[in-house]
Amino acid sequence: MLKANGAAINEPTIGSGAYARQGVTSSLLNWAGTQSSGSTTASTGTSGTTSNNNGITYPQPTGNWAATPAVVWGLALYDASSGGNLIMFGPIATPTSITAASTPPAIPVSDLTITLL
C-alpha cells in the first residue's frame, strides 16, 4: 500500500501500525493464466493480463498507516518483503485512511488485475 504525502509517494513504515507487505508467490495457484480470470492452467491467452486467484489480506491495523490528512491511495508490487525493488504501482478504487479501528485491508479474489503491455 502507498500513501501520498504532498508531492512524494511513501510506503507506510513496515511494522508501524502493524503494516506489512503481503507476499504472494509466483504460481498458477496465486495468479491466473492470461486466458481468463481464475485460470490455474499455463497461459495461452495474449492479453498480458493476470489477476489474483486468492484473496490477499493485510494484518489488523494497530495504528495509522498514513499521517493525517493523508490517505492510502495505491498499491505497489515489490520483489522483497522489505527494501527490494519497486516493480509497479497503481491506484486503488477507493483511497482511504487506515487506522487502528479499521477492518484489515483486503484484496478480494480477481480484484488485483495486472496488465503488461
PDB file of N, CA and C in Angstrom:
ATOM      1  N   MET A   1       0.849  -1.176   0.000  1.00  0.00           N
ATOM      2  CA  MET A   1       0.000   0.000   0.000  1.00  0.00           C
ATOM      3  C   MET A   1       0.896   1.241   0.000  1.00  0.00           C
ATOM      4  N   LEU A   2       0.428   2.297  -0.622  1.00  0.00           N
ATOM      5  CA  LEU A   2       1.175   3.546  -0.681  1.00  0.00           C
ATOM      6  C   LEU A   2       0.347   4.656  -0.080  1.00  0.00           C
ATOM      7  N   LYS A   3       1.023   5.668   0.413  1.00  0.00           N
ATOM      8  CA  LYS A   3       0.324   6.846   0.905  1.00  0.00           C
ATOM      9  C   LYS A   3       0.907   8.075   0.219  1.00  0.00           C
ATOM     10  N   ALA A   4       0.057   9.040  -0.036  1.00  0.00           N
ATOM     11  CA  ALA A   4       0.506  10.276  -0.658  1.00  0.00           C
ATOM     12  C   ALA A   4       0.856  11.276   0.431  1.00  0.00           C
ATOM     13  N   ASN A   5       1.989  11.940   0.283  1.00  0.00           N
ATOM     14  CA  ASN A   5       2.443  12.926   1.259  1.00  0.00           C
ATOM     15  C   ASN A   5       2.972  14.108   0.468  1.00  0.00           C
ATOM     16  N   GLY A   6       2.076  15.036   0.118  1.00  0.00           N
ATOM     17  CA  GLY A   6       2.482  16.146  -0.730  1.00  0.00           C
ATOM     18  C   GLY A   6       2.826  15.609  -2.107  1.00  0.00           C
ATOM     19  N   ALA A   7       4.005  15.949  -2.610  1.00  0.00           N
ATOM     20  CA  ALA A   7       4.426  15.503  -3.928  1.00  0.00           C
ATOM     21  C   ALA A   7       5.108  14.144  -3.888  1.00  0.00           C
ATOM     22  N   ALA A   8       5.398  13.629  -2.687  1.00  0.00           N
ATOM     23  CA  ALA A   8       6.120  12.367  -2.566  1.00  0.00           C
ATOM     24  C   ALA A   8       5.156  11.187  -2.464  1.00  0.00           C
ATOM     25  N   ILE A   9       5.637  10.023  -2.838  1.00  0.00           N
ATOM     26  CA  ILE A   9       4.901   8.780  -2.646  1.00  0.00           C
ATOM     27  C   ILE A   9       5.695   7.965  -1.641  1.00  0.00           C
ATOM     28  N   ASN A  10       5.068   7.634  -0.518  1.00  0.00           N
ATOM     29  CA  ASN A  10       5.759   6.940   0.550  1.00  0.00           C
ATOM     30  C   ASN A  10       5.023   5.679   0.957  1.00  0.00           C
ATOM     31  N   GLU A  11       5.765   4.609   1.163  1.00  0.00           N
ATOM     32  CA  GLU A  11       5.188   3.394   1.715  1.00  0.00           C
ATOM     33  C   GLU A  11       5.109   3.574   3.222  1.00  0.00           C
ATOM     34  N   PRO A  12       4.019   3.102   3.854  1.00  0.00           N
ATOM     35  CA  PRO A  12       3.999   3.152   5.318  1.00  0.00           C
ATOM     36  C   PRO A  12       5.212   2.410   5.872  1.00  0.00           C
ATOM     37  N   THR A  13       5.693   2.812   7.023  1.00  0.00           N
ATOM     38  CA  THR A  13       6.838   2.147   7.633  1.00  0.00           C
ATOM     39  C   THR A  13       6.451   0.724   8.007  1.00  0.00           C
ATOM     40  N   ILE A  14       7.235  -0.235   7.542  1.00  0.00           N
ATOM     41  CA  ILE A  14       6.948  -1.635   7.843  1.00  0.00           C
ATOM     42  C   ILE A  14       6.997  -1.831   9.351  1.00  0.00           C
ATOM     43  N   GLY A  15       5.945  -2.406   9.908  1.00  0.00           N
ATOM     44  CA  GLY A  15       5.827  -2.618  11.345  1.00  0.00           C
ATOM     45  C   GLY A  15       5.046  -1.523  12.045  1.00  0.00           C
ATOM     46  N   SER A  16       4.957  -0.331  11.432  1.00  0.00           N
ATOM     47  CA  SER A  16       4.224   0.776  12.037  1.00  0.00           C
ATOM     48  C   SER A  16       2.729   0.536  11.881  1.00  0.00           C
ATOM     49  N   GLY A  17       2.001   0.494  12.988  1.00  0.00           N
ATOM     50  CA  GLY A  17       0.567   0.250  12.941  1.00  0.00           C
ATOM     51  C   GLY A  17       0.244  -1.149  12.445  1.00  0.00           C
ATOM     52  N   ALA A  18       1.227  -2.060  12.527  1.00  0.00           N
ATOM     53  CA  ALA A  18       1.139  -3.456  12.086  1.00  0.00           C
ATOM     54  C   ALA A  18       1.160  -3.592  10.565  1.00  0.00           C
ATOM     55  N   TYR A  19       1.550  -2.517   9.847  1.00  0.00           N
ATOM     56  CA  TYR A  19       1.664  -2.619   8.390  1.00  0.00           C
ATOM     57  C   TYR A  19       2.746  -3.628   8.028  1.00  0.00           C
ATOM     58  N   ALA A  20       2.470  -4.442   7.024  1.00  0.00           N
ATOM     59  CA  ALA A  20       3.455  -5.371   6.485  1.00  0.00           C
ATOM     60  C   ALA A  20       3.106  -5.655   5.027  1.00  0.00           C
ATOM     61  N   ARG A  21       4.129  -5.757   4.203  1.00  0.00           N
ATOM     62  CA  ARG A  21       3.905  -6.184   2.826  1.00  0.00           C
ATOM     63  C   ARG A  21       3.387  -7.614   2.853  1.00  0.00           C
ATOM     64  N   GLN A  22       2.522  -7.927   1.916  1.00  0.00           N
ATOM     65  CA  GLN A  22       1.966  -9.273   1.841  1.00  0.00           C
ATOM     66  C   GLN A  22       2.597 -10.028   0.680  1.00  0.00           C
ATOM     67  N   GLY A  23       3.212 -11.141   0.981  1.00  0.00           N
ATOM     68  CA  GLY A  23       3.874 -11.932  -0.044  1.00  0.00           C
ATOM     69  C   GLY A  23       2.888 -12.791  -0.816  1.00  0.00           C
ATOM     70  N   VAL A  24       3.022 -12.784  -2.127  1.00  0.00           N
ATOM     71  CA  VAL A  24       2.225 -13.656  -2.996  1.00  0.00           C
ATOM     72  C   VAL A  24       3.207 -14.284  -3.973  1.00  0.00           C
ATOM     73  N   THR A  25       3.449 -15.577  -3.816  1.00  0.00           N
ATOM     74  CA  THR A  25       4.422 -16.243  -4.666  1.00  0.00           C
ATOM     75  C   THR A  25       3.913 -16.360  -6.099  1.00  0.00           C
ATOM     76  N   SER A  26       4.850 -16.474  -7.003  1.00  0.00           N
ATOM     77  CA  SER A  26       4.534 -16.589  -8.422  1.00  0.00           C
ATOM     78  C   SER A  26       4.184 -18.041  -8.741  1.00  0.00           C
ATOM     79  N   SER A  27       2.890 -18.311  -8.857  1.00  0.00           N
ATOM     80  CA  SER A  27       2.420 -19.645  -9.226  1.00  0.00           C
ATOM     81  C   SER A  27       1.010 -19.530  -9.773  1.00  0.00           C
ATOM     82  N   LEU A  28       0.568 -20.562 -10.490  1.00  0.00           N
ATOM     83  CA  LEU A  28      -0.788 -20.552 -11.038  1.00  0.00           C
ATOM     84  C   LEU A  28      -1.840 -20.721  -9.954  1.00  0.00           C
ATOM     85  N   LEU A  29      -1.446 -21.140  -8.757  1.00  0.00           N
ATOM     86  CA  LEU A  29      -2.399 -21.178  -7.649  1.00  0.00           C
ATOM     87  C   LEU A  29      -2.720 -19.770  -7.178  1.00  0.00           C
ATOM     88  N   ASN A  30      -1.748 -18.853  -7.308  1.00  0.00           N
ATOM     89  CA  ASN A  30      -1.913 -17.485  -6.819  1.00  0.00           C
ATOM     90  C   ASN A  30      -2.255 -16.476  -7.912  1.00  0.00           C
ATOM     91  N   TRP A  31      -1.831 -16.711  -9.140  1.00  0.00           N
ATOM     92  CA  TRP A  31      -2.032 -15.770 -10.247  1.00  0.00           C
ATOM     93  C   TRP A  31      -2.668 -16.491 -11.426  1.00  0.00           C
ATOM     94  N   ALA A  32      -3.681 -15.909 -12.003  1.00  0.00           N
ATOM     95  CA  ALA A  32      -4.399 -16.512 -13.121  1.00  0.00           C
ATOM     96  C   ALA A  32      -3.553 -16.518 -14.384  1.00  0.00           C
ATOM     97  N   GLY A  33      -3.758 -17.557 -15.205  1.00  0.00           N
ATOM     98  CA  GLY A  33      -3.184 -17.561 -16.541  1.00  0.00           C
ATOM     99  C   GLY A  33      -3.832 -16.445 -17.353  1.00  0.00           C
ATOM    100  N   THR A  34      -3.205 -16.045 -18.437  1.00  0.00           N
ATOM    101  CA  THR A  34      -3.694 -14.890 -19.199  1.00  0.00           C
ATOM    102  C   THR A  34      -4.973 -15.144 -19.971  1.00  0.00           C
ATOM    103  N   GLN A  35      -5.424 -16.408 -20.060  1.00  0.00           N
ATOM    104  CA  GLN A  35      -6.632 -16.678 -20.834  1.00  0.00           C
ATOM    105  C   GLN A  35      -7.910 -16.286 -20.116  1.00  0.00           C
ATOM    106  N   SER A  36      -7.923 -16.272 -18.765  1.00  0.00           N
ATOM    107  CA  SER A  36      -9.140 -15.861 -18.060  1.00  0.00           C
ATOM    108  C   SER A  36      -8.875 -15.673 -16.575  1.00  0.00           C
ATOM    109  N   SER A  37      -9.700 -14.861 -15.954  1.00  0.00           N
ATOM    110  CA  SER A  37      -9.649 -14.666 -14.506  1.00  0.00           C
ATOM    111  C   SER A  37      -9.945 -15.994 -13.827  1.00  0.00           C
ATOM    112  N   GLY A  38      -9.166 -16.347 -12.818  1.00  0.00           N
ATOM    113  CA  GLY A  38      -9.384 -17.581 -12.076  1.00  0.00           C
ATOM    114  C   GLY A  38      -8.739 -18.805 -12.693  1.00  0.00           C
ATOM    115  N   SER A  39      -8.117 -18.663 -13.855  1.00  0.00           N
ATOM    116  CA  SER A  39      -7.475 -19.793 -14.521  1.00  0.00           C
ATOM    117  C   SER A  39      -6.307 -20.313 -13.687  1.00  0.00           C
ATOM    118  N   THR A  40      -6.150 -21.623 -13.649  1.00  0.00           N
ATOM    119  CA  THR A  40      -4.999 -22.228 -12.968  1.00  0.00           C
ATOM    120  C   THR A  40      -4.187 -23.079 -13.942  1.00  0.00           C
ATOM    121  N   THR A  41      -4.335 -22.822 -15.236  1.00  0.00           N
ATOM    122  CA  THR A  41      -3.529 -23.509 -16.243  1.00  0.00           C
ATOM    123  C   THR A  41      -2.573 -22.520 -16.887  1.00  0.00           C
ATOM    124  N   ALA A  42      -1.502 -23.060 -17.443  1.00  0.00           N
ATOM    125  CA  ALA A  42      -0.474 -22.212 -18.054  1.00  0.00           C
ATOM    126  C   ALA A  42      -1.088 -21.258 -19.081  1.00  0.00           C
ATOM    127  N   SER A  43      -0.547 -20.074 -19.169  1.00  0.00           N
ATOM    128  CA  SER A  43      -1.074 -19.034 -20.046  1.00  0.00           C
ATOM    129  C   SER A  43      -1.105 -19.454 -21.503  1.00  0.00           C
ATOM    130  N   THR A  44      -2.263 -19.217 -22.117  1.00  0.00           N
ATOM    131  CA  THR A  44      -2.417 -19.432 -23.556  1.00  0.00           C
ATOM    132  C   THR A  44      -3.005 -18.186 -24.200  1.00  0.00           C
ATOM    133  N   GLY A  45      -3.424 -17.255 -23.384  1.00  0.00           N
ATOM    134  CA  GLY A  45      -4.016 -16.024 -23.901  1.00  0.00           C
ATOM    135  C   GLY A  45      -2.953 -15.045 -24.348  1.00  0.00           C
ATOM    136  N   THR A  46      -3.385 -13.989 -24.989  1.00  0.00           N
ATOM    137  CA  THR A  46      -2.451 -12.983 -25.486  1.00  0.00           C
ATOM    138  C   THR A  46      -2.717 -11.607 -24.886  1.00  0.00           C
ATOM    139  N   SER A  47      -3.586 -11.546 -23.863  1.00  0.00           N
ATOM    140  CA  SER A  47      -3.960 -10.251 -23.292  1.00  0.00           C
ATOM    141  C   SER A  47      -2.864  -9.646 -22.428  1.00  0.00           C
ATOM    142  N   GLY A  48      -1.954 -10.472 -21.897  1.00  0.00           N
ATOM    143  CA  GLY A  48      -0.941  -9.968 -20.974  1.00  0.00           C
ATOM    144  C   GLY A  48      -1.527  -9.585 -19.632  1.00  0.00           C
ATOM    145  N   THR A  49      -2.764 -10.034 -19.354  1.00  0.00           N
ATOM    146  CA  THR A  49      -3.452  -9.678 -18.117  1.00  0.00           C
ATOM    147  C   THR A  49      -3.554 -10.881 -17.190  1.00  0.00           C
ATOM    148  N   THR A  50      -3.267 -10.647 -15.916  1.00  0.00           N
ATOM    149  CA  THR A  50      -3.428 -11.662 -14.879  1.00  0.00           C
ATOM    150  C   THR A  50      -4.143 -11.025 -13.699  1.00  0.00           C
ATOM    151  N   SER A  51      -4.615 -11.853 -12.791  1.00  0.00           N
ATOM    152  CA  SER A  51      -5.261 -11.352 -11.575  1.00  0.00           C
ATOM    153  C   SER A  51      -5.012 -12.351 -10.453  1.00  0.00           C
ATOM    154  N   ASN A  52      -5.292 -11.913  -9.226  1.00  0.00           N
ATOM    155  CA  ASN A  52      -5.044 -12.773  -8.069  1.00  0.00           C
ATOM    156  C   ASN A  52      -6.095 -13.873  -7.963  1.00  0.00           C
ATOM    157  N   ASN A  53      -5.627 -15.117  -7.816  1.00  0.00           N
ATOM    158  CA  ASN A  53      -6.531 -16.264  -7.653  1.00  0.00           C
ATOM    159  C   ASN A  53      -6.938 -16.485  -6.205  1.00  0.00           C
ATOM    160  N   ASN A  54      -6.316 -15.800  -5.281  1.00  0.00           N
ATOM    161  CA  ASN A  54      -6.636 -15.903  -3.859  1.00  0.00           C
ATOM    162  C   ASN A  54      -6.773 -14.501  -3.285  1.00  0.00           C
ATOM    163  N   GLY A  55      -7.578 -14.370  -2.247  1.00  0.00           N
ATOM    164  CA  GLY A  55      -7.677 -13.087  -1.566  1.00  0.00           C
ATOM    165  C   GLY A  55      -6.361 -12.755  -0.879  1.00  0.00           C
ATOM    166  N   ILE A  56      -6.074 -11.476  -0.757  1.00  0.00           N
ATOM    167  CA  ILE A  56      -4.859 -11.001  -0.084  1.00  0.00           C
ATOM    168  C   ILE A  56      -5.322 -10.126   1.071  1.00  0.00           C
ATOM    169  N   THR A  57      -5.002 -10.519   2.301  1.00  0.00           N
ATOM    170  CA  THR A  57      -5.448  -9.769   3.474  1.00  0.00           C
ATOM    171  C   THR A  57      -4.249  -9.261   4.254  1.00  0.00           C
ATOM    172  N   TYR A  58      -4.285  -7.990   4.581  1.00  0.00           N
ATOM    173  CA  TYR A  58      -3.242  -7.365   5.390  1.00  0.00           C
ATOM    174  C   TYR A  58      -3.553  -7.596   6.867  1.00  0.00           C
ATOM    175  N   PRO A  59      -2.570  -7.414   7.762  1.00  0.00           N
ATOM    176  CA  PRO A  59      -2.826  -7.608   9.192  1.00  0.00           C
ATOM    177  C   PRO A  59      -3.767  -6.544   9.769  1.00  0.00           C
ATOM    178  N   GLN A  60      -4.371  -6.875  10.893  1.00  0.00           N
ATOM    179  CA  GLN A  60      -5.226  -5.919  11.605  1.00  0.00           C
ATOM    180  C   GLN A  60      -4.399  -4.690  11.972  1.00  0.00           C
ATOM    181  N   PRO A  61      -4.780  -3.506  11.485  1.00  0.00           N
ATOM    182  CA  PRO A  61      -4.029  -2.299  11.856  1.00  0.00           C
ATOM    183  C   PRO A  61      -4.094  -2.044  13.359  1.00  0.00           C
ATOM    184  N   THR A  62      -2.969  -1.636  13.920  1.00  0.00           N
ATOM    185  CA  THR A  62      -2.909  -1.266  15.338  1.00  0.00           C
ATOM    186  C   THR A  62      -2.661   0.228  15.498  1.00  0.00           C
ATOM    187  N   GLY A  63      -2.586   0.936  14.384  1.00  0.00           N
ATOM    188  CA  GLY A  63      -2.362   2.377  14.387  1.00  0.00           C
ATOM    189  C   GLY A  63      -2.557   2.905  12.979  1.00  0.00           C
ATOM    190  N   ASN A  64      -2.330   4.199  12.808  1.00  0.00           N
ATOM    191  CA  ASN A  64      -2.497   4.833  11.494  1.00  0.00           C
ATOM    192  C   ASN A  64      -1.403   4.383  10.532  1.00  0.00           C
ATOM    193  N   TRP A  65      -1.793   4.097   9.281  1.00  0.00           N
ATOM    194  CA  TRP A  65      -0.819   3.744   8.252  1.00  0.00           C
ATOM    195  C   TRP A  65      -0.386   4.962   7.462  1.00  0.00           C
ATOM    196  N   ALA A  66      -1.031   6.073   7.638  1.00  0.00           N
ATOM    197  CA  ALA A  66      -0.659   7.310   6.953  1.00  0.00           C
ATOM    198  C   ALA A  66      -0.938   8.467   7.903  1.00  0.00           C
ATOM    199  N   ALA A  67      -0.120   9.525   7.802  1.00  0.00           N
ATOM    200  CA  ALA A  67      -0.299  10.691   8.659  1.00  0.00           C
ATOM    201  C   ALA A  67      -1.503  11.503   8.192  1.00  0.00           C
ATOM    202  N   THR A  68      -2.270  12.014   9.119  1.00  0.00           N
ATOM    203  CA  THR A  68      -3.429  12.842   8.812  1.00  0.00           C
ATOM    204  C   THR A  68      -2.947  14.091   8.086  1.00  0.00           C
ATOM    205  N   PRO A  69      -3.589  14.530   7.031  1.00  0.00           N
ATOM    206  CA  PRO A  69      -4.814  14.018   6.432  1.00  0.00           C
ATOM    207  C   PRO A  69      -4.561  13.040   5.297  1.00  0.00           C
ATOM    208  N   ALA A  70      -3.328  12.560   5.144  1.00  0.00           N
ATOM    209  CA  ALA A  70      -3.013  11.667   4.028  1.00  0.00           C
ATOM    210  C   ALA A  70      -3.808  10.373   4.108  1.00  0.00           C
ATOM    211  N   VAL A  71      -4.039   9.785   2.977  1.00  0.00           N
ATOM    212  CA  VAL A  71      -4.757   8.512   2.920  1.00  0.00           C
ATOM    213  C   VAL A  71      -3.940   7.524   2.094  1.00  0.00           C
ATOM    214  N   VAL A  72      -4.209   6.257   2.294  1.00  0.00           N
ATOM    215  CA  VAL A  72      -3.615   5.233   1.451  1.00  0.00           C
ATOM    216  C   VAL A  72      -4.370   5.276   0.134  1.00  0.00           C
ATOM    217  N   TRP A  73      -3.660   5.456  -0.968  1.00  0.00           N
ATOM    218  CA  TRP A  73      -4.306   5.651  -2.267  1.00  0.00           C
ATOM    219  C   TRP A  73      -3.905   4.634  -3.325  1.00  0.00           C
ATOM    220  N   GLY A  74      -2.902   3.805  -3.031  1.00  0.00           N
ATOM    221  CA  GLY A  74      -2.443   2.904  -4.078  1.00  0.00           C
ATOM    222  C   GLY A  74      -1.825   1.634  -3.535  1.00  0.00           C
ATOM    223  N   LEU A  75      -1.421   0.792  -4.447  1.00  0.00           N
ATOM    224  CA  LEU A  75      -0.815  -0.487  -4.132  1.00  0.00           C
ATOM    225  C   LEU A  75       0.467  -0.609  -4.938  1.00  0.00           C
ATOM    226  N   ALA A  76       1.491  -1.190  -4.342  1.00  0.00           N
ATOM    227  CA  ALA A  76       2.768  -1.364  -5.039  1.00  0.00           C
ATOM    228  C   ALA A  76       3.196  -2.819  -4.980  1.00  0.00           C
ATOM    229  N   LEU A  77       3.881  -3.254  -6.025  1.00  0.00           N
ATOM    230  CA  LEU A  77       4.458  -4.593  -6.058  1.00  0.00           C
ATOM    231  C   LEU A  77       5.968  -4.459  -5.951  1.00  0.00           C
ATOM    232  N   TYR A  78       6.543  -5.136  -4.958  1.00  0.00           N
ATOM    233  CA  TYR A  78       7.988  -5.162  -4.745  1.00  0.00           C
ATOM    234  C   TYR A  78       8.493  -6.586  -4.912  1.00  0.00           C
ATOM    235  N   ASP A  79       9.792  -6.737  -5.091  1.00  0.00           N
ATOM    236  CA  ASP A  79      10.380  -8.063  -5.214  1.00  0.00           C
ATOM    237  C   ASP A  79      10.978  -8.570  -3.908  1.00  0.00           C
ATOM    238  N   ALA A  80      10.630  -7.941  -2.787  1.00  0.00           N
ATOM    239  CA  ALA A  80      11.153  -8.364  -1.486  1.00  0.00           C
ATOM    240  C   ALA A  80      10.178  -7.963  -0.378  1.00  0.00           C
ATOM    241  N   SER A  81      10.269  -8.617   0.772  1.00  0.00           N
ATOM    242  CA  SER A  81       9.365  -8.314   1.884  1.00  0.00           C
ATOM    243  C   SER A  81       9.712  -7.000   2.574  1.00  0.00           C
ATOM    244  N   SER A  82      10.946  -6.518   2.402  1.00  0.00           N
ATOM    245  CA  SER A  82      11.339  -5.174   2.844  1.00  0.00           C
ATOM    246  C   SER A  82      12.465  -4.731   1.923  1.00  0.00           C
ATOM    247  N   GLY A  83      12.611  -3.431   1.754  1.00  0.00           N
ATOM    248  CA  GLY A  83      13.603  -2.947   0.792  1.00  0.00           C
ATOM    249  C   GLY A  83      13.227  -3.442  -0.595  1.00  0.00           C
ATOM    250  N   GLY A  84      14.200  -3.955  -1.327  1.00  0.00           N
ATOM    251  CA  GLY A  84      13.925  -4.524  -2.642  1.00  0.00           C
ATOM    252  C   GLY A  84      13.654  -3.468  -3.698  1.00  0.00           C
ATOM    253  N   ASN A  85      13.162  -3.938  -4.829  1.00  0.00           N
ATOM    254  CA  ASN A  85      12.901  -3.084  -5.983  1.00  0.00           C
ATOM    255  C   ASN A  85      11.410  -2.935  -6.211  1.00  0.00           C
ATOM    256  N   LEU A  86      10.975  -1.720  -6.481  1.00  0.00           N
ATOM    257  CA  LEU A  86       9.592  -1.455  -6.840  1.00  0.00           C
ATOM    258  C   LEU A  86       9.389  -1.940  -8.269  1.00  0.00           C
ATOM    259  N   ILE A  87       8.447  -2.873  -8.458  1.00  0.00           N
ATOM    260  CA  ILE A  87       8.172  -3.416  -9.786  1.00  0.00           C
ATOM    261  C   ILE A  87       7.147  -2.544 -10.509  1.00  0.00           C
ATOM    262  N   MET A  88       6.031  -2.249  -9.835  1.00  0.00           N
ATOM    263  CA  MET A  88       4.993  -1.388 -10.403  1.00  0.00           C
ATOM    264  C   MET A  88       4.085  -0.904  -9.290  1.00  0.00           C
ATOM    265  N   PHE A  89       3.324   0.151  -9.569  1.00  0.00           N
ATOM    266  CA  PHE A  89       2.341   0.633  -8.606  1.00  0.00           C
ATOM    267  C   PHE A  89       1.182   1.253  -9.348  1.00  0.00           C
ATOM    268  N   GLY A  90       0.057   1.369  -8.639  1.00  0.00           N
ATOM    269  CA  GLY A  90      -1.116   1.990  -9.226  1.00  0.00           C
ATOM    270  C   GLY A  90      -2.134   2.319  -8.160  1.00  0.00           C
ATOM    271  N   PRO A  91      -3.174   3.042  -8.540  1.00  0.00           N
ATOM    272  CA  PRO A  91      -4.186   3.470  -7.564  1.00  0.00           C
ATOM    273  C   PRO A  91      -5.111   2.330  -7.153  1.00  0.00           C
ATOM    274  N   ILE A  92      -5.723   2.467  -5.972  1.00  0.00           N
ATOM    275  CA  ILE A  92      -6.784   1.566  -5.551  1.00  0.00           C
ATOM    276  C   ILE A  92      -8.113   2.267  -5.828  1.00  0.00           C
ATOM    277  N   ALA A  93      -9.201   1.510  -5.885  1.00  0.00           N
ATOM    278  CA  ALA A  93     -10.507   2.071  -6.261  1.00  0.00           C
ATOM    279  C   ALA A  93     -10.982   3.152  -5.311  1.00  0.00           C
ATOM    280  N   THR A  94     -10.784   2.957  -4.001  1.00  0.00           N
ATOM    281  CA  THR A  94     -11.274   3.914  -3.019  1.00  0.00           C
ATOM    282  C   THR A  94     -10.165   4.273  -2.032  1.00  0.00           C
ATOM    283  N   PRO A  95      -9.467   5.397  -2.237  1.00  0.00           N
ATOM    284  CA  PRO A  95      -8.463   5.813  -1.261  1.00  0.00           C
ATOM    285  C   PRO A  95      -9.096   5.953   0.125  1.00  0.00           C
ATOM    286  N   THR A  96      -8.367   5.554   1.156  1.00  0.00           N
ATOM    287  CA  THR A  96      -8.945   5.558   2.492  1.00  0.00           C
ATOM    288  C   THR A  96      -7.891   5.739   3.573  1.00  0.00           C
ATOM    289  N   SER A  97      -8.303   6.250   4.714  1.00  0.00           N
ATOM    290  CA  SER A  97      -7.431   6.297   5.880  1.00  0.00           C
ATOM    291  C   SER A  97      -7.492   4.938   6.562  1.00  0.00           C
ATOM    292  N   ILE A  98      -6.358   4.435   6.980  1.00  0.00           N
ATOM    293  CA  ILE A  98      -6.317   3.157   7.700  1.00  0.00           C
ATOM    294  C   ILE A  98      -5.819   3.458   9.102  1.00  0.00           C
ATOM    295  N   THR A  99      -6.670   3.146  10.087  1.00  0.00           N
ATOM    296  CA  THR A  99      -6.377   3.414  11.493  1.00  0.00           C
ATOM    297  C   THR A  99      -6.534   2.122  12.295  1.00  0.00           C
ATOM    298  N   ALA A 100      -6.260   2.194  13.585  1.00  0.00           N
ATOM    299  CA  ALA A 100      -6.406   1.024  14.456  1.00  0.00           C
ATOM    300  C   ALA A 100      -7.848   0.514  14.465  1.00  0.00           C
ATOM    301  N   ALA A 101      -8.804   1.372  14.165  1.00  0.00           N
ATOM    302  CA  ALA A 101     -10.219   0.970  14.172  1.00  0.00           C
ATOM    303  C   ALA A 101     -10.656   0.352  12.839  1.00  0.00           C
ATOM    304  N   SER A 102      -9.760   0.346  11.840  1.00  0.00           N
ATOM    305  CA  SER A 102     -10.120  -0.155  10.516  1.00  0.00           C
ATOM    306  C   SER A 102     -10.193  -1.676  10.471  1.00  0.00           C
ATOM    307  N   THR A 103     -11.062  -2.159   9.612  1.00  0.00           N
ATOM    308  CA  THR A 103     -11.057  -3.575   9.266  1.00  0.00           C
ATOM    309  C   THR A 103      -9.764  -3.837   8.501  1.00  0.00           C
ATOM    310  N   PRO A 104      -9.146  -4.999   8.672  1.00  0.00           N
ATOM    311  CA  PRO A 104      -7.910  -5.245   7.925  1.00  0.00           C
ATOM    312  C   PRO A 104      -8.131  -5.069   6.425  1.00  0.00           C
ATOM    313  N   PRO A 105      -7.276  -4.302   5.752  1.00  0.00           N
ATOM    314  CA  PRO A 105      -7.421  -4.128   4.314  1.00  0.00           C
ATOM    315  C   PRO A 105      -7.309  -5.475   3.606  1.00  0.00           C
ATOM    316  N   ALA A 106      -8.114  -5.675   2.577  1.00  0.00           N
ATOM    317  CA  ALA A 106      -8.097  -6.936   1.841  1.00  0.00           C
ATOM    318  C   ALA A 106      -8.342  -6.694   0.360  1.00  0.00           C
ATOM    319  N   ILE A 107      -7.774  -7.563  -0.451  1.00  0.00           N
ATOM    320  CA  ILE A 107      -7.987  -7.537  -1.897  1.00  0.00           C
ATOM    321  C   ILE A 107      -8.711  -8.835  -2.242  1.00  0.00           C
ATOM    322  N   PRO A 108      -9.984  -8.748  -2.599  1.00  0.00           N
ATOM    323  CA  PRO A 108     -10.737  -9.961  -2.925  1.00  0.00           C
ATOM    324  C   PRO A 108     -10.178 -10.670  -4.166  1.00  0.00           C
ATOM    325  N   VAL A 109     -10.521 -11.945  -4.314  1.00  0.00           N
ATOM    326  CA  VAL A 109     -10.122 -12.748  -5.468  1.00  0.00           C
ATOM    327  C   VAL A 109     -10.470 -12.004  -6.765  1.00  0.00           C
ATOM    328  N   SER A 110      -9.540 -11.956  -7.673  1.00  0.00           N
ATOM    329  CA  SER A 110      -9.657 -11.350  -9.013  1.00  0.00           C
ATOM    330  C   SER A 110      -9.728  -9.833  -9.017  1.00  0.00           C
ATOM    331  N   ASP A 111      -9.626  -9.161  -7.863  1.00  0.00           N
ATOM    332  CA  ASP A 111      -9.703  -7.692  -7.836  1.00  0.00           C
ATOM    333  C   ASP A 111      -8.374  -6.999  -8.142  1.00  0.00           C
ATOM    334  N   LEU A 112      -7.258  -7.718  -8.014  1.00  0.00           N
ATOM    335  CA  LEU A 112      -5.957  -7.136  -8.371  1.00  0.00           C
ATOM    336  C   LEU A 112      -5.631  -7.613  -9.777  1.00  0.00           C
ATOM    337  N   THR A 113      -5.846  -6.736 -10.749  1.00  0.00           N
ATOM    338  CA  THR A 113      -5.622  -7.069 -12.144  1.00  0.00           C
ATOM    339  C   THR A 113      -4.366  -6.351 -12.637  1.00  0.00           C
ATOM    340  N   ILE A 114      -3.489  -7.106 -13.268  1.00  0.00           N
ATOM    341  CA  ILE A 114      -2.225  -6.555 -13.770  1.00  0.00           C
ATOM    342  C   ILE A 114      -2.148  -6.843 -15.262  1.00  0.00           C
ATOM    343  N   THR A 115      -1.874  -5.810 -16.047  1.00  0.00           N
ATOM    344  CA  THR A 115      -1.718  -5.971 -17.481  1.00  0.00           C
ATOM    345  C   THR A 115      -0.333  -5.486 -17.885  1.00  0.00           C
ATOM    346  N   LEU A 116       0.421  -6.346 -18.512  1.00  0.00           N
ATOM    347  CA  LEU A 116       1.733  -5.984 -19.032  1.00  0.00           C
ATOM    348  C   LEU A 116       1.589  -5.665 -20.508  1.00  0.00           C
ATOM    349  N   LEU A 117       2.096  -4.525 -20.905  1.00  0.00           N
ATOM    350  CA  LEU A 117       1.986  -4.115 -22.311  1.00  0.00           C
ATOM    351  C   LEU A 117       3.277  -4.405 -23.060  1.00  0.00           C
TER     352      LEU A 117
END
